[in-house]
């Protein structure tokens, strides 16, 4: 995910949060429906009059729409009221810190639970209970040995249920943290910058099947098209036929084919999908 949100993304997010269609919002703000549709396309220029009208309608600042602020409304909270250390403020203010991801992490419903469990670990509230549990197990093991009972199975079991603090908390904190990341990941799966995933076994089977009966340069080109997941349209097939000429590689045809790949050019594909 990218750190900065464009104005186009912000107005789309605000519209979907309110359950409005593009036409409903366009009518409410007094913008032509076809024009507003372009406003949600990443990189499309939005005139200042429309920015002001949208900000007023949504009840947010123009700074928020323009990406100059992360706050919907102007908030003048002093640094001291945040109770953050100088180092924390330095990290948050660093231009390389993904403040968007940080904001989504700490505002996730599960973050408070993660922070609570982390505090329990750091403050050692659970240490004594774990120590008592392990001491009891060690005592039981000793008594078994003193009675000279064949204890091979017992001692193995006792060792297995011995609780190790770091193992316990690594499992606990992972169970807190991973669902948060999973939710954030899913919310950004359609972002322009996110991966669409790698190859599956079915993908490779399709490559083999769809390139059967071809040979030489023609098969090589077909394999490349399949691996790059380029749509096998009649236009793309024509470019594939013209990929190699008597003068060598047809760079224009190759460039156009590559531009159709969702792997090489994911942004272009996703922009087309959003239209």
Protein backbone atom coordinates (compact mmCIF):
# COMPACT_ATOMS: atom_id res chain seq x y z
CA UNK A 1 0.00 0.00 0.00
CA UNK A 2 1.19 3.52 -0.68
CA UNK A 3 1.62 6.02 2.13
CA UNK A 4 -0.16 8.96 0.52
CA UNK A 5 -3.78 9.00 -0.58
CA UNK A 6 -4.69 11.05 -3.65
CA UNK A 7 -7.63 13.42 -3.74
CA UNK A 8 -9.28 11.02 -6.19
CA UNK A 9 -9.10 8.19 -3.65
CA UNK A 10 -10.28 10.40 -0.79
CA UNK A 11 -13.47 11.52 -2.50
CA UNK A 12 -14.21 7.95 -3.58
CA UNK A 13 -13.69 6.71 0.00
CA UNK A 14 -15.94 9.45 1.40
CA UNK A 15 -18.64 8.65 -1.18
CA UNK A 16 -18.61 4.90 -0.49
CA UNK A 17 -18.58 5.48 3.29
CA UNK A 18 -21.89 7.30 2.87
CA UNK A 19 -23.32 4.64 0.55
CA UNK A 20 -23.75 7.01 -2.39
CA UNK A 21 -23.50 6.20 -6.08
CA UNK A 22 -21.43 8.45 -8.31
CA UNK A 23 -24.61 9.87 -9.85
CA UNK A 24 -26.18 10.62 -6.46
CA UNK A 25 -23.11 12.53 -5.32
CA UNK A 26 -22.72 14.33 -8.65
CA UNK A 27 -26.36 15.48 -8.49
CA UNK A 28 -26.02 16.56 -4.86
CA UNK A 29 -22.93 18.67 -5.53
CA UNK A 30 -24.04 19.98 -8.91
CA UNK A 31 -21.37 18.29 -11.03
CA UNK A 32 -22.07 16.55 -14.33
CA UNK A 33 -22.24 12.77 -13.76
CA UNK A 34 -19.74 11.99 -16.53
CA UNK A 35 -17.35 14.62 -15.18
CA UNK A 36 -17.55 13.33 -11.62
CA UNK A 37 -16.76 9.80 -12.83
CA UNK A 38 -13.41 11.12 -14.06
CA UNK A 39 -12.73 12.75 -10.68
CA UNK A 40 -12.38 9.32 -9.06
CA UNK A 41 -9.73 8.19 -11.56
CA UNK A 42 -6.31 8.37 -9.91
CA UNK A 43 -4.30 11.29 -11.26
CA UNK A 44 -7.24 13.13 -12.83
CA UNK A 45 -7.11 16.89 -12.19
CA UNK A 46 -10.00 18.28 -10.15
CA UNK A 47 -10.60 22.07 -10.35
CA UNK A 48 -10.53 24.08 -7.14
CA UNK A 49 -14.23 24.95 -7.39
CA UNK A 50 -15.11 21.26 -7.32
CA UNK A 51 -12.68 20.64 -4.43
CA UNK A 52 -14.41 23.33 -2.37
CA UNK A 53 -17.88 22.03 -3.24
CA UNK A 54 -16.96 18.44 -2.32
CA UNK A 55 -15.29 19.52 0.93
CA UNK A 56 -18.40 21.44 1.96
CA UNK A 57 -20.71 18.57 1.06
CA UNK A 58 -18.69 15.98 3.03
CA UNK A 59 -18.01 18.35 5.91
CA UNK A 60 -14.24 18.01 5.68
CA UNK A 61 -11.43 20.46 5.12
CA UNK A 62 -9.95 21.06 1.70
CA UNK A 63 -6.59 20.21 3.27
CA UNK A 64 -7.93 16.73 3.97
CA UNK A 65 -9.10 16.25 0.38
CA UNK A 66 -5.77 17.53 -0.97
CA UNK A 67 -3.78 15.18 1.25
CA UNK A 68 -2.26 17.96 3.35
CA UNK A 69 -3.90 16.64 6.50
CA UNK A 70 -5.04 13.25 7.78
CA UNK A 71 -7.89 14.83 9.74
CA UNK A 72 -11.39 15.18 8.31
CA UNK A 73 -11.86 18.34 10.35
CA UNK A 74 -9.22 20.71 11.62
CA UNK A 75 -7.83 19.50 14.94
CA UNK A 76 -5.42 21.64 16.93
CA UNK A 77 -4.06 19.10 19.41
CA UNK A 78 -0.82 20.17 21.02
CA UNK A 79 2.13 17.81 20.90
CA UNK A 80 2.28 17.56 24.71
CA UNK A 81 -1.34 16.35 24.81
CA UNK A 82 -0.38 13.36 22.69
CA UNK A 83 1.96 12.14 25.47
CA UNK A 84 4.50 10.88 22.98
CA UNK A 85 8.27 10.87 23.46
CA UNK A 86 10.54 13.00 21.29
CA UNK A 87 11.73 9.84 19.55
CA UNK A 88 8.17 8.72 18.83
CA UNK A 89 7.33 12.10 17.30
CA UNK A 90 10.53 11.95 15.26
CA UNK A 91 9.59 8.52 13.87
CA UNK A 92 6.00 9.54 13.09
CA UNK A 93 7.18 12.74 11.41
CA UNK A 94 9.79 10.96 9.30
CA UNK A 95 8.83 11.22 5.63
CA UNK A 96 9.72 7.54 5.17
CA UNK A 97 7.22 6.39 7.82
CA UNK A 98 4.02 5.09 6.28
CA UNK A 99 1.68 7.20 8.40
CA UNK A 100 -1.31 5.84 6.52
CA UNK A 101 -0.53 2.28 7.58
CA UNK A 102 0.31 3.43 11.12
CA UNK A 103 -3.06 5.20 11.36
CA UNK A 104 -4.92 2.11 10.16
CA UNK A 105 -3.06 -0.09 12.64
CA UNK A 106 -3.84 2.00 15.71
CA UNK A 107 -7.46 2.66 14.73
CA UNK A 108 -8.24 -1.02 14.06
CA UNK A 109 -10.71 -2.46 16.65
CA UNK A 110 -8.20 -5.15 17.60
CA UNK A 111 -5.33 -2.76 18.33
CA UNK A 112 -6.36 -2.09 21.95
CA UNK A 113 -6.28 -5.82 22.67
CA UNK A 114 -2.83 -6.08 21.09
CA UNK A 115 -1.60 -3.15 23.18
CA UNK A 116 -3.10 -4.62 26.36
CA UNK A 117 -1.44 -8.01 25.84
CA UNK A 118 1.86 -6.30 25.01
CA UNK A 119 1.60 -4.28 28.23
CA UNK A 120 0.96 -7.47 30.25
CA UNK A 121 4.09 -9.01 28.74
CA UNK A 122 6.27 -5.93 29.28
CA UNK A 123 5.09 -5.36 32.87
CA UNK A 124 5.52 -9.03 33.74
CA UNK A 125 2.03 -9.46 35.22
CA UNK A 126 1.89 -13.03 33.98
CA UNK A 127 5.44 -14.03 34.94
CA UNK A 128 4.60 -15.19 38.46
CA UNK A 129 1.72 -17.37 37.32
CA UNK A 130 3.91 -19.04 34.73
CA UNK A 131 6.67 -19.55 37.30
CA UNK A 132 4.20 -21.09 39.77
CA UNK A 133 2.90 -23.42 37.08
CA UNK A 134 6.38 -24.56 36.07
CA UNK A 135 7.49 -25.00 39.70
CA UNK A 136 4.49 -27.25 40.33
CA UNK A 137 5.36 -29.35 37.30
CA UNK A 138 8.99 -29.64 38.44
CA UNK A 139 7.80 -30.72 41.90
CA UNK A 140 5.55 -33.39 40.36
CA UNK A 141 8.40 -34.67 38.22
CA UNK A 142 10.66 -34.93 41.28
CA UNK A 143 8.07 -36.90 43.24
CA UNK A 144 7.58 -39.32 40.39
CA UNK A 145 11.33 -39.91 40.28
CA UNK A 146 11.58 -40.39 44.06
CA UNK A 147 8.99 -43.16 44.00
CA UNK A 148 11.03 -44.91 41.35
CA UNK A 149 7.97 -45.29 39.20
CA UNK A 150 8.76 -45.93 35.52
CA UNK A 151 8.41 -42.31 34.60
CA UNK A 152 9.53 -42.12 31.00
CA UNK A 153 6.06 -41.24 29.77
CA UNK A 154 5.31 -38.94 32.72
CA UNK A 155 8.49 -36.88 32.44
CA UNK A 156 8.00 -36.42 28.72
CA UNK A 157 4.48 -35.18 29.27
CA UNK A 158 5.59 -32.84 32.05
CA UNK A 159 8.25 -31.33 29.80
CA UNK A 160 5.73 -30.81 27.03
CA UNK A 161 3.33 -28.86 29.25
CA UNK A 162 6.11 -26.74 30.74
CA UNK A 163 5.13 -23.19 29.84
CA UNK A 164 7.79 -20.93 28.34
CA UNK A 165 6.83 -17.30 28.61
CA UNK A 166 8.23 -16.11 25.28
CA UNK A 167 6.61 -19.01 23.40
CA UNK A 168 3.27 -18.26 25.02
CA UNK A 169 3.34 -14.52 24.32
CA UNK A 170 4.72 -14.86 20.79
CA UNK A 171 1.67 -17.00 20.02
CA UNK A 172 -0.69 -14.65 21.84
CA UNK A 173 0.63 -11.46 20.25
CA UNK A 174 0.71 -13.06 16.80
CA UNK A 175 -2.97 -13.98 17.24
CA UNK A 176 -3.66 -10.35 18.11
CA UNK A 177 -1.56 -8.77 15.38
CA UNK A 178 -2.01 -10.96 12.29
CA UNK A 179 -5.82 -10.50 12.04
CA UNK A 180 -5.28 -6.74 12.12
CA UNK A 181 -2.79 -6.95 9.25
CA UNK A 182 -5.08 -9.34 7.37
CA UNK A 183 -8.00 -6.90 7.61
CA UNK A 184 -5.84 -4.00 6.41
CA UNK A 185 -4.41 -6.12 3.61
CA UNK A 186 -7.89 -7.10 2.41
CA UNK A 187 -9.06 -3.48 2.51
CA UNK A 188 -6.25 -2.55 0.11
CA UNK A 189 -6.38 -5.51 -2.26
CA UNK A 190 -7.73 -3.30 -5.07
CA UNK A 191 -5.20 -0.49 -4.57
CA UNK A 192 -3.10 0.35 -7.59
CA UNK A 193 0.13 -0.56 -5.79
CA UNK A 194 -0.85 -3.94 -4.38
CA UNK A 195 0.18 -7.29 -5.80
CA UNK A 196 -2.35 -9.48 -7.56
CA UNK A 197 -0.59 -12.62 -6.39
CA UNK A 198 1.83 -15.03 -8.02
CA UNK A 199 1.43 -18.07 -10.23
CA UNK A 200 -0.61 -21.10 -9.27
CA UNK A 201 -0.18 -24.69 -10.42
CA UNK A 202 -3.23 -24.13 -12.65
CA UNK A 203 -1.47 -21.18 -14.28
CA UNK A 204 1.46 -23.35 -15.31
CA UNK A 205 -0.88 -26.07 -16.57
CA UNK A 206 -2.66 -23.47 -18.69
CA UNK A 207 0.66 -22.29 -20.17
CA UNK A 208 1.51 -25.82 -21.26
CA UNK A 209 -1.95 -26.51 -22.64
CA UNK A 210 -2.35 -23.22 -24.52
CA UNK A 211 1.07 -23.41 -26.19
CA UNK A 212 0.73 -26.95 -27.50
CA UNK A 213 1.00 -27.27 -31.26
CA UNK A 214 3.23 -24.23 -31.59
CA UNK A 215 6.95 -24.27 -32.20
CA UNK A 216 9.98 -22.04 -32.42
CA UNK A 217 9.56 -18.29 -32.01
CA UNK A 218 5.78 -18.60 -32.18
CA UNK A 219 5.68 -20.90 -29.17
CA UNK A 220 8.19 -18.77 -27.27
CA UNK A 221 5.99 -15.73 -27.81
CA UNK A 222 2.89 -17.66 -26.74
CA UNK A 223 4.63 -18.83 -23.55
CA UNK A 224 5.64 -15.25 -22.73
CA UNK A 225 2.08 -14.04 -23.28
CA UNK A 226 0.72 -16.79 -21.01
CA UNK A 227 3.27 -16.18 -18.26
CA UNK A 228 2.60 -12.45 -18.34
CA UNK A 229 -1.15 -13.24 -18.15
CA UNK A 230 -1.91 -11.14 -21.22
CA UNK A 231 -5.48 -11.54 -22.47
CA UNK A 232 -5.63 -13.69 -25.63
CA UNK A 233 -7.74 -11.25 -27.65
CA UNK A 234 -7.68 -11.08 -31.46
CA UNK A 235 -5.74 -7.79 -31.28
CA UNK A 236 -3.12 -9.26 -28.96
CA UNK A 237 -2.89 -12.40 -31.11
CA UNK A 238 -2.16 -10.17 -34.09
CA UNK A 239 0.58 -8.39 -32.19
CA UNK A 240 1.98 -11.77 -31.19
CA UNK A 241 2.08 -12.82 -34.85
CA UNK A 242 4.02 -9.65 -35.65
CA UNK A 243 6.34 -9.91 -32.65
CA UNK A 244 9.25 -11.12 -34.76
CA UNK A 245 9.85 -9.93 -38.32
CA UNK A 246 12.63 -10.56 -40.82
CA UNK A 247 14.41 -7.53 -39.35
CA UNK A 248 14.26 -8.93 -35.81
CA UNK A 249 12.11 -8.09 -32.80
CA UNK A 250 9.21 -5.74 -33.47
CA UNK A 251 9.72 -3.41 -30.49
CA UNK A 252 6.42 -1.58 -30.97
CA UNK A 253 4.41 -4.82 -30.88
CA UNK A 254 6.42 -6.07 -27.90
CA UNK A 255 5.89 -2.82 -25.97
CA UNK A 256 2.14 -2.86 -26.60
CA UNK A 257 1.86 -6.49 -25.53
CA UNK A 258 3.83 -5.92 -22.34
CA UNK A 259 1.67 -2.91 -21.47
CA UNK A 260 -1.34 -5.26 -21.39
CA UNK A 261 0.22 -7.47 -18.70
CA UNK A 262 -1.37 -7.23 -15.23
CA UNK A 263 1.98 -8.33 -13.83
CA UNK A 264 4.24 -5.85 -15.59
CA UNK A 265 1.69 -3.01 -15.63
CA UNK A 266 -0.68 -3.64 -12.70
CA UNK A 267 -1.59 0.04 -12.38
CA UNK A 268 -2.81 0.29 -15.95
CA UNK A 269 -4.95 -2.82 -15.54
CA UNK A 270 -6.48 -1.65 -12.29
CA UNK A 271 -7.25 1.77 -13.70
CA UNK A 272 -9.09 0.08 -16.54
CA UNK A 273 -10.93 -2.16 -14.09
CA UNK A 274 -12.14 0.82 -12.02
CA UNK A 275 -13.68 2.57 -14.98
